[in-house]
Structure formats: structure tokens, C-alpha cells
Amino acid sequence: MNEKDLLTIVAKSADSKRAEDIIALNMKGISLIADYFLICHGNSDRQVQAIAREIKDKAQELGLEVKRLEGFDEARWILIDLGDVVAHVFHHEERGYYNLERLWGDAPIEDLTSVLTNDL
């Protein structure tokens, strides 16, 4: 599975739990951490955890290693490291504060419209 396929799986998993404002930053050549950052948010602690759990479960179902999962219990900013893709699932109140989109403003945004259903 290539990194683009993994990004699609992560985006669809987040979308299936009604994550909002899902964007993907292409980090190739910008960061050594991952090829893509997927950023989204939920509107409650429970929704944030459901989004993160869905991403983790789908990856494991496909035999992919979840290298790191942080922040699950607090449900304010959950990071799911899948190697080539790192998903950042925020509580809506935290997303604006950390503003990763601005922090990594030089990273091109990937078009996810063809794989998302809830943001259309």
C-alpha cells in the first residue's frame, strides 16, 4: 500500500465518523516525520475519540502498524502515527488554537473531495 492509498483510508475513516473540515497537507520535502498530515476535528470529546478509534481500527484491520497514539484519554488533540500518514484529530476548540494549517502553511493541500462524502 502506498502513502496516497493510506491517506485515502485515513480520510474515509475520519469522514465515516463525521469529522469536520478534513484536510490533508502534503509534507513531502517539508518534514521528515511523514508524507502527509491529515487534520480534522470533532465537536465533542466522544466524537473526537470515535474518529480516532475508527482510524486506528481500520488501519489495524488492514494489517497496518499504528506506531503511536497519543492524547486519546484527554480527547483534545489525538495524534495517530501510521508512518507515512499522521492524523491529527482535534476537539473543535483546540484546532484553532494550534492552527497546524498555518504552522505548516508552506505545505500544499491535497484534494480529498473525491473520497469524502460528509464535507460536500
N, C-alpha and C. Protein backbone atom coordinates (compact mmCIF):
# COMPACT_ATOMS: atom_id res chain seq x y z
N MET A 1 0.86 -1.18 0.00
CA MET A 1 0.00 0.00 0.00
C MET A 1 0.90 1.24 0.00
N ASN A 2 0.61 2.16 -0.89
CA ASN A 2 1.42 3.39 -0.92
C ASN A 2 0.81 4.45 0.01
N GLU A 3 1.56 5.53 0.18
CA GLU A 3 1.14 6.57 1.13
C GLU A 3 -0.16 7.26 0.71
N LYS A 4 -0.41 7.37 -0.57
CA LYS A 4 -1.65 8.01 -1.06
C LYS A 4 -2.86 7.13 -0.73
N ASP A 5 -2.70 5.82 -0.88
CA ASP A 5 -3.78 4.89 -0.52
C ASP A 5 -4.06 4.96 0.98
N LEU A 6 -3.00 5.02 1.77
CA LEU A 6 -3.15 5.14 3.23
C LEU A 6 -3.87 6.43 3.59
N LEU A 7 -3.51 7.53 2.94
CA LEU A 7 -4.18 8.81 3.18
C LEU A 7 -5.67 8.69 2.89
N THR A 8 -6.02 8.03 1.80
CA THR A 8 -7.43 7.84 1.43
C THR A 8 -8.17 7.05 2.50
N ILE A 9 -7.56 5.99 3.00
CA ILE A 9 -8.18 5.18 4.05
C ILE A 9 -8.39 6.00 5.32
N VAL A 10 -7.39 6.77 5.70
CA VAL A 10 -7.49 7.60 6.91
C VAL A 10 -8.58 8.65 6.73
N ALA A 11 -8.61 9.31 5.58
CA ALA A 11 -9.62 10.34 5.32
C ALA A 11 -11.03 9.75 5.34
N LYS A 12 -11.21 8.60 4.70
CA LYS A 12 -12.53 7.97 4.68
C LYS A 12 -12.95 7.52 6.08
N SER A 13 -12.00 7.04 6.87
CA SER A 13 -12.31 6.63 8.23
C SER A 13 -12.78 7.81 9.06
N ALA A 14 -12.07 8.92 8.96
CA ALA A 14 -12.47 10.14 9.69
C ALA A 14 -13.84 10.62 9.22
N ASP A 15 -14.03 10.60 7.91
CA ASP A 15 -15.28 11.06 7.32
C ASP A 15 -16.46 10.19 7.77
N SER A 16 -16.22 8.90 7.94
CA SER A 16 -17.29 7.99 8.33
C SER A 16 -17.82 8.29 9.74
N LYS A 17 -17.03 8.98 10.54
CA LYS A 17 -17.46 9.38 11.88
C LYS A 17 -17.79 10.87 11.95
N ARG A 18 -18.05 11.42 10.78
CA ARG A 18 -18.49 12.82 10.65
C ARG A 18 -17.47 13.84 11.14
N ALA A 19 -16.20 13.55 10.92
CA ALA A 19 -15.16 14.54 11.22
C ALA A 19 -15.42 15.77 10.35
N GLU A 20 -15.07 16.92 10.88
CA GLU A 20 -15.32 18.16 10.15
C GLU A 20 -14.02 18.78 9.65
N ASP A 21 -14.16 19.52 8.56
CA ASP A 21 -13.05 20.28 7.97
C ASP A 21 -11.80 19.40 7.80
N ILE A 22 -11.99 18.29 7.12
CA ILE A 22 -10.89 17.35 6.89
C ILE A 22 -9.98 17.91 5.80
N ILE A 23 -8.70 18.07 6.14
CA ILE A 23 -7.73 18.48 5.13
C ILE A 23 -6.49 17.60 5.25
N ALA A 24 -5.77 17.51 4.16
CA ALA A 24 -4.52 16.77 4.15
C ALA A 24 -3.43 17.68 3.63
N LEU A 25 -2.34 17.74 4.37
CA LEU A 25 -1.18 18.53 3.95
C LEU A 25 -0.13 17.58 3.39
N ASN A 26 0.38 17.89 2.22
CA ASN A 26 1.44 17.10 1.60
C ASN A 26 2.76 17.57 2.21
N MET A 27 3.34 16.74 3.04
CA MET A 27 4.55 17.10 3.78
C MET A 27 5.83 16.62 3.12
N LYS A 28 5.72 16.05 1.93
CA LYS A 28 6.91 15.55 1.22
C LYS A 28 7.87 16.71 0.97
N GLY A 29 9.10 16.53 1.36
CA GLY A 29 10.11 17.56 1.17
C GLY A 29 10.05 18.67 2.21
N ILE A 30 9.08 18.62 3.11
CA ILE A 30 8.92 19.66 4.13
C ILE A 30 9.24 19.09 5.51
N SER A 31 8.80 17.87 5.75
CA SER A 31 9.00 17.25 7.06
C SER A 31 9.50 15.83 6.87
N LEU A 32 10.37 15.41 7.74
CA LEU A 32 10.85 14.03 7.73
C LEU A 32 9.93 13.10 8.51
N ILE A 33 8.96 13.66 9.20
CA ILE A 33 8.07 12.90 10.07
C ILE A 33 7.13 12.00 9.26
N ALA A 34 6.51 12.57 8.22
CA ALA A 34 5.52 11.83 7.45
C ALA A 34 5.36 12.47 6.07
N ASP A 35 4.76 11.72 5.15
CA ASP A 35 4.46 12.25 3.83
C ASP A 35 3.21 13.12 3.84
N TYR A 36 2.26 12.76 4.71
CA TYR A 36 1.01 13.51 4.79
C TYR A 36 0.60 13.70 6.25
N PHE A 37 0.03 14.87 6.53
CA PHE A 37 -0.67 15.13 7.78
C PHE A 37 -2.14 15.25 7.42
N LEU A 38 -2.98 14.48 8.08
CA LEU A 38 -4.42 14.66 7.94
C LEU A 38 -4.89 15.38 9.19
N ILE A 39 -5.64 16.44 9.00
CA ILE A 39 -6.12 17.26 10.12
C ILE A 39 -7.64 17.34 10.03
N CYS A 40 -8.29 17.12 11.16
CA CYS A 40 -9.75 17.23 11.22
C CYS A 40 -10.15 17.53 12.65
N HIS A 41 -11.45 17.74 12.86
CA HIS A 41 -11.92 17.94 14.22
C HIS A 41 -13.31 17.36 14.43
N GLY A 42 -13.60 17.15 15.71
CA GLY A 42 -14.92 16.74 16.15
C GLY A 42 -15.46 17.78 17.11
N ASN A 43 -16.73 17.68 17.42
CA ASN A 43 -17.38 18.71 18.24
C ASN A 43 -17.58 18.31 19.70
N SER A 44 -17.16 17.11 20.06
CA SER A 44 -17.26 16.68 21.46
C SER A 44 -16.13 15.69 21.73
N ASP A 45 -15.86 15.48 23.01
CA ASP A 45 -14.83 14.50 23.38
C ASP A 45 -15.16 13.14 22.79
N ARG A 46 -16.40 12.76 22.91
CA ARG A 46 -16.84 11.44 22.42
C ARG A 46 -16.63 11.32 20.91
N GLN A 47 -16.96 12.37 20.15
CA GLN A 47 -16.78 12.30 18.71
C GLN A 47 -15.30 12.26 18.33
N VAL A 48 -14.48 13.05 19.01
CA VAL A 48 -13.04 13.05 18.75
C VAL A 48 -12.48 11.65 18.97
N GLN A 49 -12.88 11.00 20.05
CA GLN A 49 -12.41 9.65 20.33
C GLN A 49 -12.94 8.65 19.30
N ALA A 50 -14.17 8.83 18.87
CA ALA A 50 -14.75 7.92 17.86
C ALA A 50 -13.99 8.03 16.53
N ILE A 51 -13.65 9.24 16.15
CA ILE A 51 -12.89 9.44 14.91
C ILE A 51 -11.53 8.76 15.01
N ALA A 52 -10.83 9.00 16.10
CA ALA A 52 -9.50 8.41 16.29
C ALA A 52 -9.58 6.89 16.36
N ARG A 53 -10.56 6.38 17.06
CA ARG A 53 -10.72 4.93 17.18
C ARG A 53 -10.99 4.31 15.81
N GLU A 54 -11.80 4.96 14.99
CA GLU A 54 -12.11 4.44 13.66
C GLU A 54 -10.86 4.39 12.79
N ILE A 55 -10.06 5.44 12.84
CA ILE A 55 -8.81 5.46 12.07
C ILE A 55 -7.89 4.33 12.53
N LYS A 56 -7.72 4.19 13.83
CA LYS A 56 -6.85 3.15 14.40
C LYS A 56 -7.37 1.75 14.05
N ASP A 57 -8.65 1.53 14.24
CA ASP A 57 -9.23 0.22 13.99
C ASP A 57 -9.15 -0.17 12.52
N LYS A 58 -9.42 0.78 11.63
CA LYS A 58 -9.36 0.49 10.20
C LYS A 58 -7.93 0.14 9.78
N ALA A 59 -6.96 0.88 10.30
CA ALA A 59 -5.56 0.60 9.99
C ALA A 59 -5.18 -0.80 10.47
N GLN A 60 -5.54 -1.13 11.69
CA GLN A 60 -5.21 -2.45 12.24
C GLN A 60 -5.92 -3.56 11.49
N GLU A 61 -7.16 -3.31 11.08
CA GLU A 61 -7.92 -4.28 10.30
C GLU A 61 -7.20 -4.61 8.99
N LEU A 62 -6.52 -3.63 8.43
CA LEU A 62 -5.79 -3.81 7.18
C LEU A 62 -4.35 -4.29 7.40
N GLY A 63 -4.01 -4.57 8.65
CA GLY A 63 -2.69 -5.07 8.96
C GLY A 63 -1.62 -4.01 9.03
N LEU A 64 -2.03 -2.75 9.19
CA LEU A 64 -1.07 -1.65 9.26
C LEU A 64 -0.70 -1.38 10.72
N GLU A 65 0.54 -1.02 10.92
CA GLU A 65 1.01 -0.75 12.28
C GLU A 65 0.66 0.68 12.70
N VAL A 66 0.06 0.80 13.86
CA VAL A 66 -0.14 2.11 14.47
C VAL A 66 1.09 2.34 15.33
N LYS A 67 1.96 3.22 14.87
CA LYS A 67 3.24 3.43 15.53
C LYS A 67 3.09 4.18 16.85
N ARG A 68 2.10 5.04 16.89
CA ARG A 68 1.91 5.85 18.10
C ARG A 68 0.49 6.39 18.13
N LEU A 69 -0.10 6.42 19.31
CA LEU A 69 -1.40 7.03 19.51
C LEU A 69 -1.30 7.82 20.80
N GLU A 70 -1.49 9.11 20.71
CA GLU A 70 -1.34 9.98 21.88
C GLU A 70 -2.57 10.86 22.06
N GLY A 71 -2.91 11.14 23.31
CA GLY A 71 -3.96 12.09 23.64
C GLY A 71 -5.37 11.53 23.65
N PHE A 72 -5.51 10.20 23.55
CA PHE A 72 -6.85 9.61 23.44
C PHE A 72 -7.71 9.91 24.65
N ASP A 73 -7.18 9.73 25.84
CA ASP A 73 -8.00 9.91 27.05
C ASP A 73 -8.46 11.35 27.23
N GLU A 74 -7.60 12.30 26.89
CA GLU A 74 -7.97 13.71 27.04
C GLU A 74 -8.92 14.18 25.94
N ALA A 75 -8.80 13.60 24.75
CA ALA A 75 -9.67 13.87 23.60
C ALA A 75 -9.69 15.34 23.19
N ARG A 76 -8.56 16.01 23.34
CA ARG A 76 -8.45 17.40 22.89
C ARG A 76 -7.66 17.49 21.59
N TRP A 77 -6.61 16.66 21.50
CA TRP A 77 -5.80 16.55 20.29
C TRP A 77 -5.24 15.14 20.29
N ILE A 78 -5.79 14.30 19.43
CA ILE A 78 -5.33 12.92 19.35
C ILE A 78 -4.45 12.80 18.11
N LEU A 79 -3.27 12.26 18.30
CA LEU A 79 -2.33 12.05 17.22
C LEU A 79 -2.25 10.55 16.95
N ILE A 80 -2.44 10.16 15.70
CA ILE A 80 -2.33 8.76 15.30
C ILE A 80 -1.24 8.69 14.24
N ASP A 81 -0.12 8.07 14.60
CA ASP A 81 1.03 7.96 13.71
C ASP A 81 0.99 6.62 12.99
N LEU A 82 0.77 6.68 11.68
CA LEU A 82 0.72 5.48 10.86
C LEU A 82 1.94 5.40 9.93
N GLY A 83 2.98 6.13 10.27
CA GLY A 83 4.19 6.12 9.45
C GLY A 83 4.13 7.19 8.38
N ASP A 84 3.68 6.83 7.18
CA ASP A 84 3.63 7.79 6.08
C ASP A 84 2.54 8.85 6.27
N VAL A 85 1.55 8.53 7.09
CA VAL A 85 0.45 9.47 7.37
C VAL A 85 0.33 9.63 8.88
N VAL A 86 0.27 10.88 9.32
CA VAL A 86 0.00 11.18 10.72
C VAL A 86 -1.33 11.93 10.76
N ALA A 87 -2.28 11.37 11.49
CA ALA A 87 -3.60 12.00 11.63
C ALA A 87 -3.64 12.81 12.92
N HIS A 88 -4.15 14.03 12.81
CA HIS A 88 -4.33 14.92 13.96
C HIS A 88 -5.83 15.15 14.10
N VAL A 89 -6.41 14.59 15.15
CA VAL A 89 -7.85 14.73 15.38
C VAL A 89 -8.03 15.66 16.58
N PHE A 90 -8.56 16.83 16.29
CA PHE A 90 -8.72 17.87 17.32
C PHE A 90 -10.15 17.94 17.82
N HIS A 91 -10.30 18.43 19.04
CA HIS A 91 -11.58 18.94 19.51
C HIS A 91 -11.70 20.31 18.85
N HIS A 92 -12.88 20.69 18.41
CA HIS A 92 -13.01 21.93 17.63
C HIS A 92 -12.43 23.14 18.36
N GLU A 93 -12.51 23.16 19.69
CA GLU A 93 -11.98 24.30 20.45
C GLU A 93 -10.45 24.38 20.38
N GLU A 94 -9.79 23.25 20.22
CA GLU A 94 -8.33 23.22 20.19
C GLU A 94 -7.76 23.46 18.80
N ARG A 95 -8.51 23.13 17.78
CA ARG A 95 -7.97 23.21 16.42
C ARG A 95 -7.53 24.62 16.06
N GLY A 96 -8.34 25.59 16.35
CA GLY A 96 -7.99 26.98 16.05
C GLY A 96 -6.79 27.46 16.85
N TYR A 97 -6.67 26.97 18.06
CA TYR A 97 -5.56 27.39 18.91
C TYR A 97 -4.22 26.90 18.35
N TYR A 98 -4.16 25.64 17.98
CA TYR A 98 -2.90 25.08 17.47
C TYR A 98 -2.66 25.42 16.01
N ASN A 99 -3.72 25.54 15.24
CA ASN A 99 -3.69 26.01 13.84
C ASN A 99 -2.53 25.39 13.04
N LEU A 100 -2.50 24.08 12.95
CA LEU A 100 -1.44 23.40 12.20
C LEU A 100 -1.42 23.80 10.74
N GLU A 101 -2.57 24.13 10.20
CA GLU A 101 -2.62 24.56 8.81
C GLU A 101 -1.74 25.79 8.58
N ARG A 102 -1.76 26.71 9.53
CA ARG A 102 -0.93 27.91 9.41
C ARG A 102 0.53 27.61 9.71
N LEU A 103 0.74 26.78 10.74
CA LEU A 103 2.10 26.41 11.12
C LEU A 103 2.83 25.75 9.95
N TRP A 104 2.14 24.89 9.22
CA TRP A 104 2.71 24.22 8.06
C TRP A 104 2.15 24.84 6.78
N GLY A 105 2.04 26.15 6.75
CA GLY A 105 1.43 26.87 5.63
C GLY A 105 2.13 26.69 4.30
N ASP A 106 3.38 26.27 4.31
CA ASP A 106 4.10 26.05 3.06
C ASP A 106 3.81 24.68 2.46
N ALA A 107 3.06 23.84 3.16
CA ALA A 107 2.71 22.51 2.65
C ALA A 107 1.48 22.60 1.75
N PRO A 108 1.55 22.02 0.56
CA PRO A 108 0.38 22.02 -0.32
C PRO A 108 -0.76 21.19 0.27
N ILE A 109 -1.98 21.63 0.03
CA ILE A 109 -3.16 20.90 0.49
C ILE A 109 -3.57 19.90 -0.58
N GLU A 110 -3.76 18.66 -0.18
CA GLU A 110 -4.20 17.61 -1.09
C GLU A 110 -5.71 17.71 -1.29
N ASP A 111 -6.16 17.44 -2.49
CA ASP A 111 -7.59 17.46 -2.79
C ASP A 111 -8.21 16.13 -2.36
N LEU A 112 -9.11 16.19 -1.40
CA LEU A 112 -9.77 14.99 -0.89
C LEU A 112 -11.24 14.91 -1.30
N THR A 113 -11.70 15.83 -2.12
CA THR A 113 -13.13 15.89 -2.43
C THR A 113 -13.65 14.60 -3.05
N SER A 114 -12.83 13.87 -3.79
CA SER A 114 -13.30 12.65 -4.44
C SER A 114 -13.49 11.50 -3.45
N VAL A 115 -12.89 11.58 -2.25
CA VAL A 115 -13.01 10.48 -1.29
C VAL A 115 -13.90 10.81 -0.11
N LEU A 116 -14.28 12.08 0.06
CA LEU A 116 -15.11 12.47 1.19
C LEU A 116 -16.55 12.61 0.79
N THR A 117 -17.44 12.27 1.73
CA THR A 117 -18.88 12.40 1.46
C THR A 117 -19.54 13.42 2.36
N ASN A 118 -19.07 13.54 3.61
CA ASN A 118 -19.75 14.39 4.58
C ASN A 118 -19.39 15.86 4.47
N ASP A 119 -18.31 16.21 3.78
CA ASP A 119 -17.92 17.60 3.68
C ASP A 119 -18.40 18.26 2.39
N LEU A 120 -19.16 17.55 1.60
CA LEU A 120 -19.60 18.12 0.32
C LEU A 120 -20.84 18.96 0.49
